[in-house]
Amino acid sequence: MKSNIDIKTSNQNIEYFDALNFMEKRVDKILCNEENEMLWFLNHNHVYTCGTSAKKNEILGETNIPILQTNRGGKTTYHGPGQRVVYFMINLNKRKKDIRKFVNVIENSVISLLKEFDIEATTFSERVGVWVIKSQGNKLLKEKKIGAIGLRIKKWITYHGLSFNIDPDLKFYGKVDACGLKDFSSTSLKDLCINLTNKEFDKMFKKKFNNELSQM
């Protein structure tokens, strides 16, 4: 039997470690069957986070933005205003205990959402995240990243999740080799001439995610 998934939406920017503290407590309560699973939609203030496989040379020079070490999987990435973050506190004990499959659920949700705007995106086995390859029928000269994924698992409960670029200032990606990748750039819905509010994104993503998760 699969539990209900609570939806938490934050309209104010949330400090990164405040969010992490919340997630860790929620995961423990899910493990003890004291709380439902949860999707949390939010934004962070400007911050670079370094996952468990990050390397120091992924930060390119000096920056006045905080650089934080975190316990999610993955490498270095940027969070900030205009980027929608979705945190997944999902109990895989109730589903397939398959981390790769769960990552596919997130990836496919993003790809399906983008398709609604005539944006074609894909994934690459050697590179995590979701990459735009075509927009409004026009093929990009080189694929650009629009969504980053980093998870941590505790006794088959997931936390951390997805960062999706609605309309962040993309210049902040120039300060890091985002996700450890050189020679690749990031894009956003705004960069692709699509205007979408956080509320609209949340509604669309929730529907896509629930559909994908139901098949797990």
N, C-alpha and C. Protein backbone atom coordinates (compact mmCIF):
# COMPACT_ATOMS: atom_id res chain seq x y z
N MET A 1 0.84 -1.21 0.00
CA MET A 1 0.00 0.00 0.00
C MET A 1 0.87 1.25 0.00
N LYS A 2 0.58 2.18 -0.88
CA LYS A 2 1.37 3.39 -1.00
C LYS A 2 0.72 4.54 -0.26
N SER A 3 1.52 5.27 0.49
CA SER A 3 0.97 6.34 1.32
C SER A 3 0.67 7.58 0.50
N ASN A 4 -0.10 8.49 1.10
CA ASN A 4 -0.34 9.78 0.47
C ASN A 4 0.94 10.60 0.48
N ILE A 5 1.07 11.47 -0.50
CA ILE A 5 2.24 12.35 -0.57
C ILE A 5 1.79 13.77 -0.24
N ASP A 6 2.31 14.33 0.84
CA ASP A 6 2.02 15.70 1.20
C ASP A 6 2.75 16.65 0.26
N ILE A 7 2.15 17.81 0.01
CA ILE A 7 2.77 18.84 -0.83
C ILE A 7 3.08 20.05 0.04
N LYS A 8 4.33 20.46 0.08
CA LYS A 8 4.75 21.65 0.82
C LYS A 8 5.26 22.66 -0.20
N THR A 9 4.75 23.89 -0.13
CA THR A 9 5.17 24.94 -1.05
C THR A 9 5.67 26.13 -0.24
N SER A 10 6.88 26.57 -0.53
CA SER A 10 7.46 27.73 0.15
C SER A 10 7.60 28.88 -0.83
N ASN A 11 7.02 30.01 -0.48
CA ASN A 11 7.06 31.18 -1.36
C ASN A 11 8.21 32.13 -1.04
N GLN A 12 8.80 31.98 0.15
CA GLN A 12 9.98 32.74 0.51
C GLN A 12 11.22 31.89 0.27
N ASN A 13 12.35 32.53 -0.07
CA ASN A 13 13.58 31.77 -0.26
C ASN A 13 13.99 31.09 1.05
N ILE A 14 14.38 29.83 0.96
CA ILE A 14 14.73 29.04 2.13
C ILE A 14 16.25 28.86 2.18
N GLU A 15 16.84 29.11 3.35
CA GLU A 15 18.27 28.88 3.51
C GLU A 15 18.56 27.39 3.35
N TYR A 16 19.69 27.08 2.72
CA TYR A 16 19.97 25.70 2.34
C TYR A 16 20.00 24.76 3.54
N PHE A 17 20.73 25.11 4.59
CA PHE A 17 20.85 24.20 5.72
C PHE A 17 19.55 24.10 6.53
N ASP A 18 18.71 25.13 6.45
CA ASP A 18 17.38 25.02 7.07
C ASP A 18 16.56 23.96 6.35
N ALA A 19 16.68 23.96 5.03
CA ALA A 19 15.96 22.94 4.24
C ALA A 19 16.49 21.54 4.54
N LEU A 20 17.80 21.42 4.63
CA LEU A 20 18.41 20.11 4.90
C LEU A 20 17.97 19.59 6.27
N ASN A 21 17.95 20.46 7.26
CA ASN A 21 17.53 20.07 8.60
C ASN A 21 16.07 19.59 8.59
N PHE A 22 15.22 20.30 7.85
CA PHE A 22 13.82 19.90 7.74
C PHE A 22 13.70 18.52 7.10
N MET A 23 14.43 18.32 5.99
CA MET A 23 14.34 17.05 5.28
C MET A 23 14.79 15.88 6.14
N GLU A 24 15.89 16.06 6.86
CA GLU A 24 16.41 14.97 7.68
C GLU A 24 15.40 14.57 8.77
N LYS A 25 14.76 15.56 9.36
CA LYS A 25 13.75 15.26 10.39
C LYS A 25 12.54 14.57 9.77
N ARG A 26 12.14 15.04 8.60
CA ARG A 26 10.98 14.45 7.94
C ARG A 26 11.25 13.00 7.54
N VAL A 27 12.44 12.73 7.02
CA VAL A 27 12.81 11.37 6.64
C VAL A 27 12.72 10.43 7.84
N ASP A 28 13.22 10.88 8.98
CA ASP A 28 13.15 10.05 10.18
C ASP A 28 11.70 9.75 10.57
N LYS A 29 10.83 10.74 10.41
CA LYS A 29 9.42 10.54 10.75
C LYS A 29 8.73 9.60 9.75
N ILE A 30 9.13 9.70 8.48
CA ILE A 30 8.59 8.78 7.47
C ILE A 30 9.02 7.35 7.79
N LEU A 31 10.28 7.19 8.20
CA LEU A 31 10.79 5.88 8.56
C LEU A 31 10.00 5.25 9.72
N CYS A 32 9.57 6.11 10.63
CA CYS A 32 8.82 5.64 11.80
C CYS A 32 7.31 5.61 11.55
N ASN A 33 6.91 5.87 10.31
CA ASN A 33 5.49 5.90 9.95
C ASN A 33 4.71 6.95 10.73
N GLU A 34 5.40 8.04 11.07
CA GLU A 34 4.75 9.14 11.80
C GLU A 34 4.28 10.25 10.88
N GLU A 35 4.82 10.28 9.64
CA GLU A 35 4.45 11.32 8.68
C GLU A 35 4.33 10.71 7.29
N ASN A 36 3.56 11.39 6.43
CA ASN A 36 3.46 10.98 5.03
C ASN A 36 4.72 11.33 4.26
N GLU A 37 4.85 10.75 3.09
CA GLU A 37 5.88 11.19 2.15
C GLU A 37 5.60 12.64 1.76
N MET A 38 6.60 13.29 1.13
CA MET A 38 6.42 14.71 0.82
C MET A 38 7.16 15.13 -0.44
N LEU A 39 6.51 16.02 -1.20
CA LEU A 39 7.16 16.82 -2.23
C LEU A 39 7.23 18.25 -1.71
N TRP A 40 8.42 18.85 -1.80
CA TRP A 40 8.58 20.23 -1.30
C TRP A 40 9.09 21.10 -2.44
N PHE A 41 8.30 22.12 -2.80
CA PHE A 41 8.67 23.08 -3.83
C PHE A 41 9.18 24.35 -3.17
N LEU A 42 10.36 24.82 -3.56
CA LEU A 42 10.95 25.98 -2.90
C LEU A 42 12.00 26.63 -3.78
N ASN A 43 12.54 27.75 -3.31
CA ASN A 43 13.70 28.41 -3.90
C ASN A 43 14.72 28.64 -2.80
N HIS A 44 15.99 28.65 -3.17
CA HIS A 44 17.07 28.97 -2.23
C HIS A 44 17.62 30.36 -2.53
N ASN A 45 18.27 30.96 -1.54
CA ASN A 45 19.11 32.12 -1.78
C ASN A 45 20.36 31.65 -2.53
N HIS A 46 21.12 32.62 -3.07
CA HIS A 46 22.32 32.28 -3.83
C HIS A 46 23.26 31.39 -3.01
N VAL A 47 23.62 30.24 -3.57
CA VAL A 47 24.54 29.33 -2.89
C VAL A 47 25.11 28.33 -3.90
N TYR A 48 26.36 27.97 -3.70
CA TYR A 48 26.94 26.84 -4.42
C TYR A 48 27.01 25.67 -3.44
N THR A 49 26.53 24.51 -3.86
CA THR A 49 26.60 23.34 -2.99
C THR A 49 27.47 22.28 -3.63
N CYS A 50 28.25 21.62 -2.80
CA CYS A 50 29.19 20.59 -3.26
C CYS A 50 28.75 19.24 -2.72
N GLY A 51 28.38 18.34 -3.63
CA GLY A 51 27.92 17.02 -3.23
C GLY A 51 29.07 16.12 -2.83
N THR A 52 28.75 14.87 -2.55
CA THR A 52 29.73 13.94 -1.98
C THR A 52 30.86 13.58 -2.95
N SER A 53 30.66 13.80 -4.25
CA SER A 53 31.73 13.49 -5.21
C SER A 53 32.31 14.76 -5.85
N ALA A 54 32.05 15.92 -5.23
CA ALA A 54 32.56 17.19 -5.77
C ALA A 54 34.07 17.31 -5.56
N LYS A 55 34.71 18.08 -6.44
CA LYS A 55 36.14 18.36 -6.33
C LYS A 55 36.35 19.87 -6.24
N LYS A 56 37.43 20.26 -5.55
CA LYS A 56 37.68 21.68 -5.31
C LYS A 56 37.83 22.48 -6.59
N ASN A 57 38.37 21.86 -7.64
CA ASN A 57 38.61 22.61 -8.87
C ASN A 57 37.33 22.89 -9.66
N GLU A 58 36.18 22.44 -9.15
CA GLU A 58 34.91 22.76 -9.81
C GLU A 58 34.47 24.20 -9.52
N ILE A 59 35.06 24.83 -8.48
CA ILE A 59 34.83 26.24 -8.21
C ILE A 59 35.90 27.02 -8.96
N LEU A 60 35.48 27.89 -9.86
CA LEU A 60 36.42 28.60 -10.73
C LEU A 60 36.71 29.99 -10.19
N GLY A 61 37.73 30.11 -9.37
CA GLY A 61 38.14 31.42 -8.88
C GLY A 61 37.33 31.91 -7.69
N GLU A 62 37.47 33.19 -7.40
CA GLU A 62 36.84 33.80 -6.22
C GLU A 62 35.35 34.06 -6.46
N THR A 63 34.58 33.92 -5.39
CA THR A 63 33.15 34.26 -5.44
C THR A 63 32.70 34.70 -4.06
N ASN A 64 31.76 35.64 -4.02
CA ASN A 64 31.24 36.08 -2.72
C ASN A 64 29.96 35.32 -2.34
N ILE A 65 29.63 34.32 -3.14
CA ILE A 65 28.46 33.49 -2.84
C ILE A 65 28.90 32.34 -1.93
N PRO A 66 28.12 32.01 -0.90
CA PRO A 66 28.50 30.91 0.00
C PRO A 66 28.71 29.60 -0.75
N ILE A 67 29.73 28.86 -0.33
CA ILE A 67 30.02 27.53 -0.89
C ILE A 67 29.84 26.53 0.26
N LEU A 68 28.88 25.62 0.11
CA LEU A 68 28.53 24.71 1.20
C LEU A 68 28.76 23.26 0.80
N GLN A 69 29.33 22.50 1.73
CA GLN A 69 29.46 21.06 1.55
C GLN A 69 28.16 20.41 2.00
N THR A 70 27.62 19.50 1.19
CA THR A 70 26.35 18.88 1.54
C THR A 70 26.44 17.37 1.38
N ASN A 71 25.43 16.67 1.88
CA ASN A 71 25.49 15.20 1.89
C ASN A 71 24.72 14.56 0.74
N ARG A 72 24.25 15.37 -0.22
CA ARG A 72 23.60 14.76 -1.37
C ARG A 72 24.65 14.16 -2.29
N GLY A 73 24.20 13.27 -3.17
CA GLY A 73 25.09 12.74 -4.20
C GLY A 73 25.38 13.80 -5.24
N GLY A 74 26.44 13.57 -6.01
CA GLY A 74 26.73 14.48 -7.11
C GLY A 74 27.86 15.44 -6.81
N LYS A 75 28.01 16.40 -7.71
CA LYS A 75 29.14 17.32 -7.66
C LYS A 75 28.68 18.73 -7.26
N THR A 76 29.32 19.73 -7.84
CA THR A 76 29.02 21.12 -7.47
C THR A 76 27.89 21.68 -8.34
N THR A 77 27.00 22.43 -7.72
CA THR A 77 25.96 23.09 -8.51
C THR A 77 25.58 24.42 -7.86
N TYR A 78 24.80 25.19 -8.58
CA TYR A 78 24.33 26.50 -8.11
C TYR A 78 22.85 26.44 -7.80
N HIS A 79 22.46 27.12 -6.72
CA HIS A 79 21.05 27.35 -6.42
C HIS A 79 20.86 28.86 -6.23
N GLY A 80 19.69 29.36 -6.60
CA GLY A 80 19.42 30.77 -6.38
C GLY A 80 18.04 31.17 -6.86
N PRO A 81 17.67 32.42 -6.66
CA PRO A 81 16.37 32.93 -7.10
C PRO A 81 16.14 32.64 -8.58
N GLY A 82 14.92 32.27 -8.90
CA GLY A 82 14.57 31.96 -10.29
C GLY A 82 14.75 30.50 -10.63
N GLN A 83 15.37 29.75 -9.74
CA GLN A 83 15.54 28.32 -9.94
C GLN A 83 14.59 27.60 -8.98
N ARG A 84 13.72 26.77 -9.53
CA ARG A 84 12.77 26.04 -8.68
C ARG A 84 13.41 24.74 -8.23
N VAL A 85 13.35 24.51 -6.92
CA VAL A 85 13.90 23.30 -6.33
C VAL A 85 12.74 22.41 -5.90
N VAL A 86 12.85 21.12 -6.18
CA VAL A 86 11.85 20.15 -5.73
C VAL A 86 12.58 19.10 -4.91
N TYR A 87 12.21 18.98 -3.65
CA TYR A 87 12.80 17.96 -2.78
C TYR A 87 11.82 16.81 -2.61
N PHE A 88 12.36 15.61 -2.75
CA PHE A 88 11.55 14.40 -2.75
C PHE A 88 11.83 13.57 -1.50
N MET A 89 10.89 13.51 -0.59
CA MET A 89 11.00 12.63 0.57
C MET A 89 10.05 11.47 0.33
N ILE A 90 10.54 10.49 -0.42
CA ILE A 90 9.73 9.40 -0.95
C ILE A 90 10.24 8.06 -0.41
N ASN A 91 9.31 7.23 0.01
CA ASN A 91 9.63 5.94 0.61
C ASN A 91 9.69 4.84 -0.44
N LEU A 92 10.90 4.46 -0.83
CA LEU A 92 11.05 3.41 -1.85
C LEU A 92 10.82 2.01 -1.27
N ASN A 93 10.68 1.91 0.04
CA ASN A 93 10.27 0.63 0.63
C ASN A 93 8.88 0.24 0.15
N LYS A 94 8.10 1.25 -0.26
CA LYS A 94 6.73 1.01 -0.72
C LYS A 94 6.69 0.78 -2.23
N ARG A 95 7.86 0.89 -2.87
CA ARG A 95 7.93 0.78 -4.32
C ARG A 95 9.10 -0.13 -4.67
N LYS A 96 9.65 0.05 -5.86
CA LYS A 96 10.84 -0.70 -6.23
C LYS A 96 12.05 -0.05 -5.55
N LYS A 97 12.86 -0.87 -4.92
CA LYS A 97 14.07 -0.34 -4.30
C LYS A 97 15.14 -0.19 -5.37
N ASP A 98 14.96 0.83 -6.19
CA ASP A 98 15.80 1.02 -7.36
C ASP A 98 16.07 2.52 -7.52
N ILE A 99 17.27 2.94 -7.12
CA ILE A 99 17.61 4.37 -7.15
C ILE A 99 17.63 4.89 -8.58
N ARG A 100 18.21 4.12 -9.49
CA ARG A 100 18.29 4.54 -10.89
C ARG A 100 16.89 4.73 -11.47
N LYS A 101 15.99 3.84 -11.12
CA LYS A 101 14.61 3.96 -11.60
C LYS A 101 13.96 5.22 -11.05
N PHE A 102 14.23 5.53 -9.80
CA PHE A 102 13.64 6.75 -9.21
C PHE A 102 14.20 7.99 -9.88
N VAL A 103 15.50 8.00 -10.17
CA VAL A 103 16.08 9.12 -10.90
C VAL A 103 15.41 9.25 -12.27
N ASN A 104 15.14 8.12 -12.92
CA ASN A 104 14.43 8.14 -14.20
C ASN A 104 13.05 8.76 -14.08
N VAL A 105 12.37 8.49 -12.97
CA VAL A 105 11.05 9.08 -12.72
C VAL A 105 11.16 10.60 -12.73
N ILE A 106 12.17 11.13 -12.05
CA ILE A 106 12.36 12.59 -12.00
C ILE A 106 12.72 13.12 -13.39
N GLU A 107 13.66 12.46 -14.04
CA GLU A 107 14.08 12.90 -15.38
C GLU A 107 12.90 12.90 -16.35
N ASN A 108 12.14 11.83 -16.36
CA ASN A 108 11.02 11.72 -17.29
C ASN A 108 9.93 12.75 -17.00
N SER A 109 9.77 13.10 -15.73
CA SER A 109 8.79 14.14 -15.36
C SER A 109 9.18 15.48 -15.96
N VAL A 110 10.48 15.80 -15.89
CA VAL A 110 10.97 17.06 -16.45
C VAL A 110 10.85 17.05 -17.98
N ILE A 111 11.26 15.95 -18.60
CA ILE A 111 11.20 15.85 -20.06
C ILE A 111 9.76 15.99 -20.56
N SER A 112 8.82 15.36 -19.85
CA SER A 112 7.41 15.44 -20.22
C SER A 112 6.88 16.86 -20.05
N LEU A 113 7.27 17.52 -18.98
CA LEU A 113 6.85 18.91 -18.75
C LEU A 113 7.36 19.82 -19.87
N LEU A 114 8.62 19.67 -20.23
CA LEU A 114 9.21 20.51 -21.28
C LEU A 114 8.52 20.30 -22.63
N LYS A 115 8.10 19.09 -22.87
CA LYS A 115 7.43 18.77 -24.14
C LYS A 115 6.17 19.60 -24.33
N GLU A 116 5.53 19.98 -23.21
CA GLU A 116 4.32 20.81 -23.27
C GLU A 116 4.61 22.18 -23.90
N PHE A 117 5.89 22.58 -23.89
CA PHE A 117 6.28 23.88 -24.44
C PHE A 117 7.07 23.73 -25.74
N ASP A 118 6.95 22.56 -26.36
CA ASP A 118 7.66 22.27 -27.60
C ASP A 118 9.17 22.36 -27.41
N ILE A 119 9.61 21.91 -26.24
CA ILE A 119 11.04 21.84 -25.94
C ILE A 119 11.41 20.36 -25.84
N GLU A 120 12.38 19.95 -26.64
CA GLU A 120 12.81 18.55 -26.62
C GLU A 120 14.05 18.41 -25.74
N ALA A 121 13.97 17.52 -24.77
CA ALA A 121 15.09 17.32 -23.85
C ALA A 121 15.38 15.84 -23.72
N THR A 122 16.57 15.53 -23.22
CA THR A 122 16.97 14.13 -23.09
C THR A 122 17.93 13.99 -21.93
N THR A 123 18.39 12.76 -21.70
CA THR A 123 19.39 12.48 -20.68
C THR A 123 20.56 11.76 -21.36
N PHE A 124 21.69 11.76 -20.66
CA PHE A 124 22.88 11.07 -21.15
C PHE A 124 23.41 10.19 -20.03
N SER A 125 23.76 8.96 -20.36
CA SER A 125 24.17 8.00 -19.33
C SER A 125 25.43 8.46 -18.60
N GLU A 126 26.29 9.21 -19.29
CA GLU A 126 27.55 9.63 -18.66
C GLU A 126 27.44 11.00 -17.98
N ARG A 127 26.27 11.64 -18.10
CA ARG A 127 26.07 12.96 -17.50
C ARG A 127 24.71 13.01 -16.82
N VAL A 128 24.69 13.32 -15.54
CA VAL A 128 23.43 13.38 -14.83
C VAL A 128 22.66 14.64 -15.22
N GLY A 129 21.34 14.60 -15.06
CA GLY A 129 20.53 15.79 -15.32
C GLY A 129 19.73 15.71 -16.60
N VAL A 130 19.03 16.79 -16.90
CA VAL A 130 18.17 16.87 -18.08
C VAL A 130 18.71 17.96 -19.00
N TRP A 131 18.83 17.61 -20.27
CA TRP A 131 19.50 18.47 -21.26
C TRP A 131 18.56 18.81 -22.41
N VAL A 132 18.47 20.09 -22.73
CA VAL A 132 17.66 20.56 -23.86
C VAL A 132 18.46 20.40 -25.14
N ILE A 133 17.84 19.79 -26.14
CA ILE A 133 18.51 19.63 -27.44
C ILE A 133 17.79 20.37 -28.57
N LYS A 134 16.51 20.71 -28.37
CA LYS A 134 15.74 21.39 -29.41
C LYS A 134 14.64 22.23 -28.76
N SER A 135 14.38 23.41 -29.28
CA SER A 135 13.33 24.27 -28.74
C SER A 135 12.55 24.91 -29.88
N GLN A 136 11.23 24.75 -29.85
CA GLN A 136 10.34 25.27 -30.89
C GLN A 136 10.82 24.86 -32.28
N GLY A 137 11.26 23.62 -32.39
CA GLY A 137 11.69 23.09 -33.68
C GLY A 137 13.11 23.42 -34.07
N ASN A 138 13.77 24.26 -33.30
CA ASN A 138 15.14 24.67 -33.62
C ASN A 138 16.14 23.86 -32.78
N LYS A 139 17.02 23.16 -33.45
CA LYS A 139 18.01 22.37 -32.74
C LYS A 139 19.11 23.26 -32.19
N LEU A 140 19.47 23.08 -30.91
CA LEU A 140 20.55 23.85 -30.33
C LEU A 140 21.89 23.39 -30.93
N LEU A 141 22.85 24.31 -31.03
CA LEU A 141 24.17 23.95 -31.55
C LEU A 141 24.82 22.90 -30.65
N LYS A 142 24.55 23.02 -29.35
CA LYS A 142 25.06 22.06 -28.37
C LYS A 142 24.05 21.99 -27.24
N GLU A 143 23.82 20.79 -26.75
CA GLU A 143 22.82 20.63 -25.68
C GLU A 143 23.16 21.48 -24.46
N LYS A 144 22.11 21.95 -23.77
CA LYS A 144 22.30 22.77 -22.58
C LYS A 144 21.48 22.19 -21.42
N LYS A 145 22.04 22.30 -20.24
CA LYS A 145 21.41 21.70 -19.07
C LYS A 145 20.34 22.62 -18.48
N ILE A 146 19.17 22.05 -18.19
CA ILE A 146 18.09 22.84 -17.59
C ILE A 146 17.68 22.30 -16.22
N GLY A 147 18.03 21.04 -15.94
CA GLY A 147 17.66 20.44 -14.66
C GLY A 147 18.78 19.59 -14.09
N ALA A 148 19.11 19.80 -12.81
CA ALA A 148 20.14 19.01 -12.13
C ALA A 148 19.48 18.15 -11.06
N ILE A 149 20.02 16.95 -10.86
CA ILE A 149 19.45 16.01 -9.89
C ILE A 149 20.54 15.51 -8.96
N GLY A 150 20.26 15.56 -7.67
CA GLY A 150 21.18 15.01 -6.67
C GLY A 150 20.37 14.47 -5.51
N LEU A 151 20.57 13.22 -5.16
CA LEU A 151 19.76 12.57 -4.13
C LEU A 151 20.63 11.98 -3.03
N ARG A 152 20.02 11.75 -1.90
CA ARG A 152 20.60 10.93 -0.84
C ARG A 152 19.50 9.97 -0.38
N ILE A 153 19.91 8.79 0.04
CA ILE A 153 18.96 7.77 0.45
C ILE A 153 19.27 7.34 1.88
N LYS A 154 18.27 7.27 2.72
CA LYS A 154 18.43 6.74 4.08
C LYS A 154 17.41 5.62 4.27
N LYS A 155 17.91 4.40 4.36
CA LYS A 155 17.04 3.23 4.53
C LYS A 155 15.89 3.23 3.53
N TRP A 156 16.25 3.55 2.30
CA TRP A 156 15.34 3.57 1.15
C TRP A 156 14.31 4.70 1.19
N ILE A 157 14.57 5.73 2.00
CA ILE A 157 13.80 6.98 1.92
C ILE A 157 14.67 8.00 1.19
N THR A 158 14.14 8.61 0.14
CA THR A 158 14.92 9.60 -0.62
C THR A 158 14.80 10.98 0.02
N TYR A 159 15.85 11.79 -0.18
CA TYR A 159 15.72 13.23 0.07
C TYR A 159 16.70 13.97 -0.82
N HIS A 160 16.70 15.31 -0.74
CA HIS A 160 17.29 16.18 -1.76
C HIS A 160 16.47 16.01 -3.04
N GLY A 161 17.02 16.37 -4.22
CA GLY A 161 16.17 16.23 -5.40
C GLY A 161 16.59 16.97 -6.64
N LEU A 162 15.67 17.80 -7.15
CA LEU A 162 15.80 18.44 -8.47
C LEU A 162 15.93 19.95 -8.34
N SER A 163 16.83 20.52 -9.14
CA SER A 163 16.82 21.98 -9.32
C SER A 163 16.56 22.25 -10.80
N PHE A 164 15.55 23.08 -11.06
CA PHE A 164 15.07 23.32 -12.43
C PHE A 164 15.11 24.82 -12.71
N ASN A 165 15.71 25.19 -13.84
CA ASN A 165 15.90 26.60 -14.16
C ASN A 165 14.68 27.19 -14.86
N ILE A 166 13.91 27.97 -14.09
CA ILE A 166 12.81 28.73 -14.69
C ILE A 166 13.35 30.04 -15.25
N ASP A 167 13.87 30.91 -14.37
CA ASP A 167 14.47 32.16 -14.86
C ASP A 167 15.57 32.68 -13.94
N PRO A 168 16.55 31.83 -13.56
CA PRO A 168 17.67 32.34 -12.76
C PRO A 168 18.62 33.17 -13.61
N ASP A 169 19.50 33.92 -12.97
CA ASP A 169 20.56 34.63 -13.67
C ASP A 169 21.63 33.60 -14.02
N LEU A 170 21.73 33.25 -15.29
CA LEU A 170 22.62 32.16 -15.71
C LEU A 170 24.10 32.49 -15.57
N LYS A 171 24.42 33.75 -15.31
CA LYS A 171 25.84 34.11 -15.17
C LYS A 171 26.49 33.40 -13.98
N PHE A 172 25.68 33.03 -12.99
CA PHE A 172 26.24 32.38 -11.80
C PHE A 172 26.78 30.99 -12.11
N TYR A 173 26.31 30.39 -13.20
CA TYR A 173 26.87 29.10 -13.61
C TYR A 173 28.28 29.24 -14.18
N GLY A 174 28.64 30.45 -14.55
CA GLY A 174 29.97 30.69 -15.09
C GLY A 174 31.07 30.62 -14.06
N LYS A 175 30.70 30.61 -12.79
CA LYS A 175 31.69 30.56 -11.70
C LYS A 175 32.06 29.14 -11.30
N VAL A 176 31.35 28.15 -11.86
CA VAL A 176 31.62 26.75 -11.49
C VAL A 176 31.56 25.87 -12.73
N ASP A 177 32.24 24.73 -12.64
CA ASP A 177 31.98 23.65 -13.60
C ASP A 177 30.79 22.89 -13.04
N ALA A 178 29.60 23.33 -13.39
CA ALA A 178 28.38 22.78 -12.79
C ALA A 178 28.32 21.27 -13.03
N CYS A 179 28.08 20.55 -11.94
CA CYS A 179 28.02 19.09 -11.98
C CYS A 179 29.33 18.48 -12.47
N GLY A 180 30.43 19.23 -12.30
CA GLY A 180 31.74 18.72 -12.67
C GLY A 180 32.00 18.72 -14.16
N LEU A 181 31.15 19.39 -14.94
CA LEU A 181 31.26 19.33 -16.40
C LEU A 181 31.88 20.60 -16.96
N LYS A 182 32.96 20.45 -17.69
CA LYS A 182 33.55 21.57 -18.41
C LYS A 182 32.93 21.63 -19.81
N ASP A 183 32.97 22.79 -20.41
CA ASP A 183 32.57 22.96 -21.83
C ASP A 183 31.09 22.72 -22.09
N PHE A 184 30.27 22.76 -21.04
CA PHE A 184 28.83 22.69 -21.22
C PHE A 184 28.19 23.88 -20.51
N SER A 185 27.09 24.37 -21.05
CA SER A 185 26.42 25.52 -20.43
C SER A 185 25.01 25.17 -20.01
N SER A 186 24.42 26.07 -19.23
CA SER A 186 23.06 25.87 -18.72
C SER A 186 22.09 26.78 -19.45
N THR A 187 20.84 26.38 -19.41
CA THR A 187 19.78 27.20 -19.99
C THR A 187 18.62 27.28 -19.01
N SER A 188 17.59 27.98 -19.38
CA SER A 188 16.39 28.13 -18.53
C SER A 188 15.18 28.29 -19.42
N LEU A 189 14.00 28.20 -18.83
CA LEU A 189 12.79 28.45 -19.62
C LEU A 189 12.81 29.86 -20.19
N LYS A 190 13.22 30.83 -19.37
CA LYS A 190 13.27 32.21 -19.85
C LYS A 190 14.24 32.36 -21.01
N ASP A 191 15.39 31.69 -20.90
CA ASP A 191 16.39 31.71 -21.97
C ASP A 191 15.82 31.13 -23.26
N LEU A 192 14.84 30.23 -23.12
CA LEU A 192 14.19 29.60 -24.28
C LEU A 192 12.88 30.30 -24.64
N CYS A 193 12.71 31.52 -24.08
CA CYS A 193 11.55 32.39 -24.40
C CYS A 193 10.22 31.81 -23.90
N ILE A 194 10.27 31.10 -22.76
CA ILE A 194 9.06 30.59 -22.13
C ILE A 194 8.89 31.27 -20.78
N ASN A 195 7.72 31.85 -20.55
CA ASN A 195 7.42 32.47 -19.26
C ASN A 195 6.52 31.54 -18.45
N LEU A 196 6.97 31.20 -17.26
CA LEU A 196 6.22 30.28 -16.39
C LEU A 196 6.42 30.71 -14.95
N THR A 197 5.34 30.77 -14.19
CA THR A 197 5.46 31.11 -12.77
C THR A 197 5.81 29.86 -11.96
N ASN A 198 6.29 30.09 -10.74
CA ASN A 198 6.55 28.97 -9.85
C ASN A 198 5.29 28.14 -9.62
N LYS A 199 4.18 28.83 -9.44
CA LYS A 199 2.92 28.14 -9.18
C LYS A 199 2.53 27.25 -10.35
N GLU A 200 2.69 27.76 -11.56
CA GLU A 200 2.37 26.98 -12.76
C GLU A 200 3.30 25.78 -12.89
N PHE A 201 4.59 26.01 -12.62
CA PHE A 201 5.54 24.91 -12.68
C PHE A 201 5.19 23.83 -11.66
N ASP A 202 4.92 24.24 -10.43
CA ASP A 202 4.61 23.28 -9.37
C ASP A 202 3.43 22.39 -9.75
N LYS A 203 2.38 23.01 -10.27
CA LYS A 203 1.18 22.27 -10.64
C LYS A 203 1.48 21.27 -11.76
N MET A 204 2.21 21.71 -12.77
CA MET A 204 2.53 20.84 -13.89
C MET A 204 3.46 19.70 -13.47
N PHE A 205 4.48 20.06 -12.69
CA PHE A 205 5.45 19.03 -12.31
C PHE A 205 4.81 17.97 -11.41
N LYS A 206 3.99 18.41 -10.49
CA LYS A 206 3.33 17.47 -9.57
C LYS A 206 2.54 16.43 -10.35
N LYS A 207 1.81 16.88 -11.37
CA LYS A 207 1.01 15.97 -12.18
C LYS A 207 1.90 14.99 -12.94
N LYS A 208 2.96 15.51 -13.54
CA LYS A 208 3.88 14.65 -14.31
C LYS A 208 4.55 13.64 -13.38
N PHE A 209 4.99 14.10 -12.22
CA PHE A 209 5.70 13.23 -11.29
C PHE A 209 4.80 12.13 -10.75
N ASN A 210 3.59 12.48 -10.39
CA ASN A 210 2.67 11.46 -9.86
C ASN A 210 2.40 10.38 -10.90
N ASN A 211 2.29 10.80 -12.16
CA ASN A 211 2.07 9.86 -13.23
C ASN A 211 3.25 8.90 -13.40
N GLU A 212 4.46 9.45 -13.37
CA GLU A 212 5.66 8.63 -13.51
C GLU A 212 5.86 7.72 -12.30
N LEU A 213 5.63 8.26 -11.11
CA LEU A 213 5.84 7.49 -9.88
C LEU A 213 4.87 6.32 -9.77
N SER A 214 3.68 6.49 -10.31
CA SER A 214 2.67 5.42 -10.24
C SER A 214 3.10 4.16 -10.98
N GLN A 215 4.08 4.31 -11.87
CA GLN A 215 4.55 3.16 -12.63
C GLN A 215 5.74 2.47 -11.96
N MET A 216 6.13 2.96 -10.80
CA MET A 216 7.30 2.41 -10.12
C MET A 216 6.91 1.35 -9.08
